[in-house]
Amino acid sequence: MRIRRAHQFELDDARERVDLMAKSLEQRFSLRSHWQGDRLVFDGHGARGDVVIDEEAVELNVRLGFALKFMEPAIRSAIEETLDEQIAAG
């Protein structure tokens, strides 16, 4: 699944907001994450992906394992809500 949101922040501010989002999602979905430049890479039980930040947008790419595929709508909704709270609504 791919979710993209435009932002109006400096890269450092966008990165801080993505970091807050990641902490929330890490707790919710038992994920681990680390930064590779302006890309946050995460993985956990049945999910992995990354968040890429540029000057205009934040793009989240998530690959769900077989066991989580049936929960994709709920997972997408939770991710979009958290992303909107940190990026789009900021």
Protein backbone atom coordinates (compact mmCIF):
# COMPACT_ATOMS: atom_id res chain seq x y z
CA MET A 1 0.00 0.00 0.00
CA ARG A 2 1.23 3.48 -0.83
CA ILE A 3 0.07 6.61 0.99
CA ARG A 4 1.31 10.07 0.01
CA ARG A 5 0.65 13.39 1.72
CA ALA A 6 1.85 16.86 0.71
CA HIS A 7 3.48 18.96 3.41
CA GLN A 8 4.53 22.59 3.87
CA PHE A 9 7.43 21.99 6.27
CA GLU A 10 11.18 22.31 6.09
CA LEU A 11 12.78 18.86 5.74
CA ASP A 12 13.94 18.82 9.38
CA ASP A 13 10.44 19.63 10.61
CA ALA A 14 8.89 17.02 8.33
CA ARG A 15 11.39 14.47 9.61
CA GLU A 16 10.47 15.26 13.23
CA ARG A 17 6.79 14.82 12.42
CA VAL A 18 7.45 11.51 10.66
CA ASP A 19 9.45 10.42 13.69
CA LEU A 20 6.45 11.14 15.94
CA MET A 21 4.19 9.24 13.55
CA ALA A 22 6.61 6.31 13.52
CA LYS A 23 6.71 6.10 17.31
CA SER A 24 2.92 5.96 17.41
CA LEU A 25 2.75 3.26 14.73
CA GLU A 26 5.63 1.30 16.30
CA GLN A 27 3.65 0.95 19.52
CA ARG A 28 0.41 0.18 17.76
CA PHE A 29 1.79 -2.44 15.34
CA SER A 30 4.97 -3.70 17.11
CA LEU A 31 7.35 -2.26 14.52
CA ARG A 32 11.04 -1.39 14.61
CA SER A 33 12.41 1.49 12.57
CA HIS A 34 15.61 3.33 11.73
CA TRP A 35 16.61 6.25 9.53
CA GLN A 36 18.64 5.97 6.34
CA GLY A 37 19.09 9.60 5.31
CA ASP A 38 15.63 11.05 4.66
CA ARG A 39 14.11 7.57 4.52
CA LEU A 40 12.66 5.81 7.56
CA VAL A 41 12.76 2.03 7.18
CA PHE A 42 10.51 -0.13 9.35
CA ASP A 43 9.65 -3.78 9.85
CA GLY A 44 7.77 -5.90 12.28
CA HIS A 45 5.42 -8.82 12.61
CA GLY A 46 3.98 -9.18 9.12
CA ALA A 47 4.69 -5.67 7.88
CA ARG A 48 7.63 -3.79 6.44
CA GLY A 49 8.23 -0.71 4.38
CA ASP A 50 9.54 2.82 4.42
CA VAL A 51 8.65 6.47 4.66
CA VAL A 52 10.35 8.77 2.16
CA ILE A 53 10.48 12.51 2.77
CA ASP A 54 11.18 15.16 0.17
CA GLU A 55 10.63 18.92 -0.02
CA GLU A 56 6.99 18.54 -1.04
CA ALA A 57 5.59 15.29 0.34
CA VAL A 58 5.83 12.32 2.63
CA GLU A 59 5.25 8.93 1.05
CA LEU A 60 4.65 5.82 3.09
CA ASN A 61 5.07 2.41 1.45
CA VAL A 62 3.85 -0.62 3.37
CA ARG A 63 4.04 -4.30 2.43
CA LEU A 64 1.82 -6.54 4.49
CA GLY A 65 2.41 -10.22 4.99
CA PHE A 66 -0.25 -12.78 4.20
CA ALA A 67 -1.59 -12.87 7.75
CA LEU A 68 -2.26 -9.11 7.76
CA LYS A 69 -3.70 -8.75 4.26
CA PHE A 70 -7.26 -9.21 5.49
CA MET A 71 -6.73 -6.31 7.91
CA GLU A 72 -5.44 -3.92 5.23
CA PRO A 73 -8.44 -1.52 5.35
CA ALA A 74 -8.15 -1.08 9.13
CA ILE A 75 -4.36 -0.75 8.96
CA ARG A 76 -4.60 1.79 6.11
CA SER A 77 -7.14 3.80 8.09
CA ALA A 78 -4.93 3.86 11.20
CA ILE A 79 -1.88 4.89 9.18
CA GLU A 80 -3.76 7.62 7.28
CA GLU A 81 -5.20 9.01 10.51
CA THR A 82 -1.78 9.14 12.16
CA LEU A 83 -0.12 10.58 9.04
CA ASP A 84 -2.82 13.26 8.69
CA GLU A 85 -2.42 14.23 12.34
CA GLN A 86 1.32 14.74 11.93
CA ILE A 87 1.73 15.92 8.33
CA ALA A 88 -1.33 16.98 6.39
CA ALA A 89 -3.07 18.82 9.20
CA GLY A 90 0.13 20.43 10.51
